Amino acid sequence: MSKTSVKENPSKAKESTYTEEEIQKQKEVVQKHYENEIPFLEKRLAYEELLTKIETQKFDRFAMQMQMAQAMAPPPEAPTPEGMQQEMANVPTQKRTLKKEI
């Protein structure tokens, strides 16, 4: 892409070239910017780590509450043979017929 723009407008290409000093100055500016940001990023990292620990503790506490609730819950009632017979009696039975040959 840049090759076509250089061919079309050579004066623009001359404007966008930088000297070694300018490149070095830009690198220094970028480096200073990142060095200034590091303390803030470290504080943010510590904050995010604390949030993660808090969320993990909340999840663990909830999981323990669920286990306790399941342990304290009465066992599910097993169906009695009489109840099974009543359920089977309520199922409608259909008469089965043989296929008639035509």
N, C-alpha and C. Protein backbone atom coordinates (compact mmCIF):
# COMPACT_ATOMS: atom_id res chain seq x y z
N MET A 1 0.82 -1.19 0.00
CA MET A 1 0.00 0.00 0.00
C MET A 1 0.86 1.25 0.00
N SER A 2 1.86 1.28 0.85
CA SER A 2 2.68 2.49 0.95
C SER A 2 3.50 2.71 -0.31
N LYS A 3 3.82 1.63 -1.01
CA LYS A 3 4.60 1.80 -2.24
C LYS A 3 3.80 2.57 -3.28
N THR A 4 2.52 2.29 -3.39
CA THR A 4 1.71 3.01 -4.38
C THR A 4 1.57 4.47 -4.00
N SER A 5 1.42 4.76 -2.71
CA SER A 5 1.29 6.17 -2.31
C SER A 5 2.59 6.93 -2.54
N VAL A 6 3.73 6.26 -2.42
CA VAL A 6 5.01 6.93 -2.67
C VAL A 6 5.14 7.25 -4.15
N LYS A 7 4.72 6.34 -5.00
CA LYS A 7 4.82 6.58 -6.44
C LYS A 7 3.88 7.69 -6.88
N GLU A 8 2.71 7.73 -6.28
CA GLU A 8 1.73 8.73 -6.69
C GLU A 8 2.09 10.12 -6.19
N ASN A 9 2.62 10.22 -4.99
CA ASN A 9 2.89 11.52 -4.40
C ASN A 9 4.25 11.48 -3.70
N PRO A 10 5.34 11.70 -4.42
CA PRO A 10 6.66 11.60 -3.80
C PRO A 10 6.91 12.67 -2.74
N SER A 11 6.28 13.83 -2.83
CA SER A 11 6.51 14.87 -1.82
C SER A 11 5.96 14.45 -0.46
N LYS A 12 4.86 13.69 -0.47
CA LYS A 12 4.28 13.22 0.78
C LYS A 12 5.21 12.21 1.44
N ALA A 13 5.87 11.39 0.64
CA ALA A 13 6.81 10.42 1.18
C ALA A 13 7.98 11.11 1.85
N LYS A 14 8.42 12.21 1.33
CA LYS A 14 9.53 12.94 1.94
C LYS A 14 9.11 13.52 3.29
N GLU A 15 7.85 13.93 3.39
CA GLU A 15 7.36 14.50 4.64
C GLU A 15 7.28 13.44 5.74
N SER A 16 6.96 12.21 5.38
CA SER A 16 6.74 11.18 6.38
C SER A 16 8.03 10.48 6.81
N THR A 17 9.15 10.77 6.20
CA THR A 17 10.40 10.15 6.64
C THR A 17 10.93 10.91 7.84
N TYR A 18 11.48 10.16 8.78
CA TYR A 18 12.00 10.75 10.01
C TYR A 18 13.51 10.55 10.07
N THR A 19 14.15 11.47 10.70
CA THR A 19 15.59 11.32 10.91
C THR A 19 15.81 10.40 12.11
N GLU A 20 17.02 9.95 12.28
CA GLU A 20 17.35 9.06 13.40
C GLU A 20 17.10 9.76 14.74
N GLU A 21 17.37 11.05 14.79
CA GLU A 21 17.13 11.81 16.03
C GLU A 21 15.65 11.85 16.37
N GLU A 22 14.81 12.08 15.36
CA GLU A 22 13.36 12.14 15.59
C GLU A 22 12.82 10.78 16.03
N ILE A 23 13.32 9.74 15.41
CA ILE A 23 12.89 8.40 15.80
C ILE A 23 13.31 8.12 17.24
N GLN A 24 14.52 8.48 17.58
CA GLN A 24 15.01 8.27 18.95
C GLN A 24 14.19 9.07 19.96
N LYS A 25 13.84 10.31 19.62
CA LYS A 25 13.02 11.14 20.51
C LYS A 25 11.64 10.51 20.72
N GLN A 26 11.05 10.00 19.63
CA GLN A 26 9.74 9.36 19.75
C GLN A 26 9.83 8.12 20.63
N LYS A 27 10.88 7.34 20.47
CA LYS A 27 11.06 6.16 21.31
C LYS A 27 11.17 6.55 22.78
N GLU A 28 11.91 7.62 23.04
CA GLU A 28 12.07 8.07 24.43
C GLU A 28 10.74 8.53 25.01
N VAL A 29 9.96 9.24 24.20
CA VAL A 29 8.65 9.71 24.67
C VAL A 29 7.75 8.52 25.00
N VAL A 30 7.73 7.53 24.12
CA VAL A 30 6.90 6.34 24.35
C VAL A 30 7.40 5.59 25.58
N GLN A 31 8.71 5.45 25.71
CA GLN A 31 9.27 4.75 26.85
C GLN A 31 8.95 5.46 28.16
N LYS A 32 9.04 6.78 28.19
CA LYS A 32 8.69 7.53 29.40
C LYS A 32 7.22 7.37 29.74
N HIS A 33 6.40 7.37 28.70
CA HIS A 33 4.96 7.19 28.92
C HIS A 33 4.69 5.86 29.62
N TYR A 34 5.28 4.78 29.10
CA TYR A 34 5.07 3.47 29.69
C TYR A 34 5.67 3.38 31.09
N GLU A 35 6.81 4.00 31.31
CA GLU A 35 7.40 3.99 32.64
C GLU A 35 6.52 4.73 33.64
N ASN A 36 5.88 5.80 33.20
CA ASN A 36 4.98 6.55 34.08
C ASN A 36 3.71 5.76 34.38
N GLU A 37 3.29 4.90 33.46
CA GLU A 37 2.05 4.14 33.63
C GLU A 37 2.23 2.91 34.50
N ILE A 38 3.45 2.42 34.65
CA ILE A 38 3.69 1.17 35.37
C ILE A 38 3.15 1.20 36.81
N PRO A 39 3.38 2.24 37.61
CA PRO A 39 2.84 2.23 38.97
C PRO A 39 1.31 2.12 39.00
N PHE A 40 0.65 2.79 38.09
CA PHE A 40 -0.81 2.73 38.04
C PHE A 40 -1.28 1.34 37.63
N LEU A 41 -0.57 0.74 36.68
CA LEU A 41 -0.94 -0.60 36.24
C LEU A 41 -0.70 -1.63 37.34
N GLU A 42 0.36 -1.45 38.12
CA GLU A 42 0.61 -2.37 39.23
C GLU A 42 -0.48 -2.26 40.28
N LYS A 43 -0.93 -1.05 40.56
CA LYS A 43 -2.04 -0.88 41.51
C LYS A 43 -3.31 -1.51 40.97
N ARG A 44 -3.55 -1.35 39.68
CA ARG A 44 -4.74 -1.95 39.08
C ARG A 44 -4.66 -3.47 39.12
N LEU A 45 -3.46 -4.02 38.88
CA LEU A 45 -3.28 -5.47 38.97
C LEU A 45 -3.60 -5.97 40.37
N ALA A 46 -3.11 -5.27 41.38
CA ALA A 46 -3.39 -5.66 42.76
C ALA A 46 -4.90 -5.60 43.03
N TYR A 47 -5.55 -4.57 42.54
CA TYR A 47 -7.00 -4.42 42.70
C TYR A 47 -7.74 -5.58 42.04
N GLU A 48 -7.35 -5.92 40.81
CA GLU A 48 -8.01 -7.01 40.08
C GLU A 48 -7.78 -8.34 40.78
N GLU A 49 -6.58 -8.54 41.33
CA GLU A 49 -6.30 -9.78 42.05
C GLU A 49 -7.17 -9.89 43.30
N LEU A 50 -7.35 -8.78 44.00
CA LEU A 50 -8.23 -8.79 45.17
C LEU A 50 -9.67 -9.09 44.79
N LEU A 51 -10.13 -8.51 43.70
CA LEU A 51 -11.49 -8.81 43.24
C LEU A 51 -11.64 -10.29 42.92
N THR A 52 -10.63 -10.85 42.28
CA THR A 52 -10.67 -12.27 41.93
C THR A 52 -10.74 -13.13 43.19
N LYS A 53 -9.95 -12.80 44.19
CA LYS A 53 -9.98 -13.55 45.45
C LYS A 53 -11.35 -13.45 46.12
N ILE A 54 -11.93 -12.26 46.09
CA ILE A 54 -13.25 -12.07 46.70
C ILE A 54 -14.30 -12.91 45.99
N GLU A 55 -14.28 -12.90 44.67
CA GLU A 55 -15.25 -13.69 43.91
C GLU A 55 -15.06 -15.18 44.16
N THR A 56 -13.81 -15.62 44.27
CA THR A 56 -13.53 -17.03 44.55
C THR A 56 -14.08 -17.41 45.91
N GLN A 57 -13.89 -16.56 46.90
CA GLN A 57 -14.41 -16.83 48.24
C GLN A 57 -15.94 -16.89 48.24
N LYS A 58 -16.57 -15.99 47.51
CA LYS A 58 -18.04 -16.01 47.42
C LYS A 58 -18.52 -17.32 46.81
N PHE A 59 -17.85 -17.76 45.74
CA PHE A 59 -18.24 -19.01 45.09
C PHE A 59 -18.05 -20.19 46.03
N ASP A 60 -16.91 -20.23 46.74
CA ASP A 60 -16.65 -21.33 47.67
C ASP A 60 -17.70 -21.37 48.78
N ARG A 61 -18.04 -20.20 49.31
CA ARG A 61 -19.05 -20.14 50.37
C ARG A 61 -20.40 -20.63 49.86
N PHE A 62 -20.76 -20.23 48.65
CA PHE A 62 -22.03 -20.67 48.07
C PHE A 62 -22.02 -22.18 47.85
N ALA A 63 -20.90 -22.72 47.37
CA ALA A 63 -20.81 -24.17 47.14
C ALA A 63 -20.94 -24.93 48.46
N MET A 64 -20.34 -24.41 49.53
CA MET A 64 -20.46 -25.06 50.83
C MET A 64 -21.89 -25.01 51.35
N GLN A 65 -22.56 -23.88 51.13
CA GLN A 65 -23.96 -23.78 51.55
C GLN A 65 -24.82 -24.79 50.80
N MET A 66 -24.54 -24.97 49.52
CA MET A 66 -25.30 -25.94 48.73
C MET A 66 -25.05 -27.36 49.26
N GLN A 67 -23.81 -27.68 49.58
CA GLN A 67 -23.50 -29.01 50.10
C GLN A 67 -24.20 -29.24 51.44
N MET A 68 -24.20 -28.23 52.29
CA MET A 68 -24.87 -28.36 53.58
C MET A 68 -26.37 -28.54 53.40
N ALA A 69 -26.95 -27.79 52.49
CA ALA A 69 -28.39 -27.91 52.24
C ALA A 69 -28.73 -29.30 51.72
N GLN A 70 -27.89 -29.83 50.85
CA GLN A 70 -28.15 -31.17 50.32
C GLN A 70 -27.96 -32.23 51.41
N ALA A 71 -26.99 -32.02 52.29
CA ALA A 71 -26.76 -32.99 53.37
C ALA A 71 -27.90 -32.96 54.38
N MET A 72 -28.47 -31.79 54.63
CA MET A 72 -29.54 -31.66 55.62
C MET A 72 -30.91 -32.03 55.05
N ALA A 73 -31.04 -32.07 53.76
CA ALA A 73 -32.34 -32.36 53.14
C ALA A 73 -32.70 -33.82 53.37
N PRO A 74 -33.99 -34.08 53.57
CA PRO A 74 -34.41 -35.47 53.75
C PRO A 74 -34.25 -36.24 52.44
N PRO A 75 -34.06 -37.53 52.54
CA PRO A 75 -33.90 -38.30 51.30
C PRO A 75 -35.21 -38.31 50.51
N PRO A 76 -35.12 -38.43 49.22
CA PRO A 76 -36.36 -38.45 48.43
C PRO A 76 -37.15 -39.72 48.75
N GLU A 77 -38.45 -39.57 48.70
CA GLU A 77 -39.31 -40.71 49.04
C GLU A 77 -39.29 -41.72 47.91
N ALA A 78 -39.07 -42.96 48.29
CA ALA A 78 -39.10 -44.04 47.30
C ALA A 78 -40.55 -44.45 47.09
N PRO A 79 -40.92 -44.76 45.87
CA PRO A 79 -42.32 -45.17 45.64
C PRO A 79 -42.58 -46.54 46.28
N THR A 80 -43.74 -46.64 46.90
CA THR A 80 -44.12 -47.90 47.54
C THR A 80 -44.73 -48.83 46.50
N PRO A 81 -44.71 -50.12 46.76
CA PRO A 81 -45.33 -51.05 45.79
C PRO A 81 -46.81 -50.76 45.57
N GLU A 82 -47.51 -50.32 46.64
CA GLU A 82 -48.93 -50.01 46.48
C GLU A 82 -49.10 -48.80 45.56
N GLY A 83 -48.23 -47.81 45.72
CA GLY A 83 -48.30 -46.62 44.88
C GLY A 83 -48.01 -46.96 43.43
N MET A 84 -47.08 -47.88 43.21
CA MET A 84 -46.75 -48.30 41.84
C MET A 84 -47.95 -49.00 41.21
N GLN A 85 -48.63 -49.83 42.00
CA GLN A 85 -49.79 -50.54 41.47
C GLN A 85 -50.90 -49.56 41.11
N GLN A 86 -51.08 -48.53 41.93
CA GLN A 86 -52.10 -47.53 41.63
C GLN A 86 -51.75 -46.77 40.36
N GLU A 87 -50.49 -46.43 40.18
CA GLU A 87 -50.08 -45.72 38.97
C GLU A 87 -50.29 -46.59 37.74
N MET A 88 -49.98 -47.87 37.86
CA MET A 88 -50.17 -48.77 36.73
C MET A 88 -51.65 -48.96 36.42
N ALA A 89 -52.49 -48.92 37.44
CA ALA A 89 -53.92 -49.07 37.23
C ALA A 89 -54.48 -47.85 36.51
N ASN A 90 -53.91 -46.70 36.71
CA ASN A 90 -54.40 -45.48 36.08
C ASN A 90 -53.99 -45.36 34.62
N VAL A 91 -53.02 -46.15 34.19
CA VAL A 91 -52.57 -46.08 32.80
C VAL A 91 -53.65 -46.72 31.93
N PRO A 92 -54.18 -45.99 30.96
CA PRO A 92 -55.23 -46.58 30.12
C PRO A 92 -54.63 -47.68 29.23
N THR A 93 -55.36 -48.76 29.17
CA THR A 93 -54.92 -49.86 28.31
C THR A 93 -55.74 -49.83 27.04
N GLN A 94 -55.08 -50.05 25.95
CA GLN A 94 -55.77 -50.07 24.66
C GLN A 94 -55.85 -51.50 24.18
N LYS A 95 -56.95 -51.80 23.56
CA LYS A 95 -57.07 -53.13 22.99
C LYS A 95 -56.23 -53.20 21.74
N ARG A 96 -55.49 -54.26 21.65
CA ARG A 96 -54.66 -54.44 20.47
C ARG A 96 -55.40 -55.36 19.52
N THR A 97 -55.39 -54.99 18.30
CA THR A 97 -56.05 -55.81 17.28
C THR A 97 -55.02 -56.21 16.24
N LEU A 98 -55.28 -57.35 15.63
CA LEU A 98 -54.40 -57.82 14.57
C LEU A 98 -54.72 -57.08 13.29
N LYS A 99 -53.75 -56.99 12.45
CA LYS A 99 -53.99 -56.36 11.16
C LYS A 99 -54.84 -57.28 10.30
N LYS A 100 -55.73 -56.68 9.61
CA LYS A 100 -56.59 -57.46 8.73
C LYS A 100 -55.99 -57.46 7.34
N GLU A 101 -55.93 -58.62 6.76
CA GLU A 101 -55.41 -58.71 5.39
C GLU A 101 -56.51 -58.36 4.42
N ILE A 102 -56.18 -57.65 3.41
CA ILE A 102 -57.18 -57.23 2.43
C ILE A 102 -57.08 -58.10 1.20
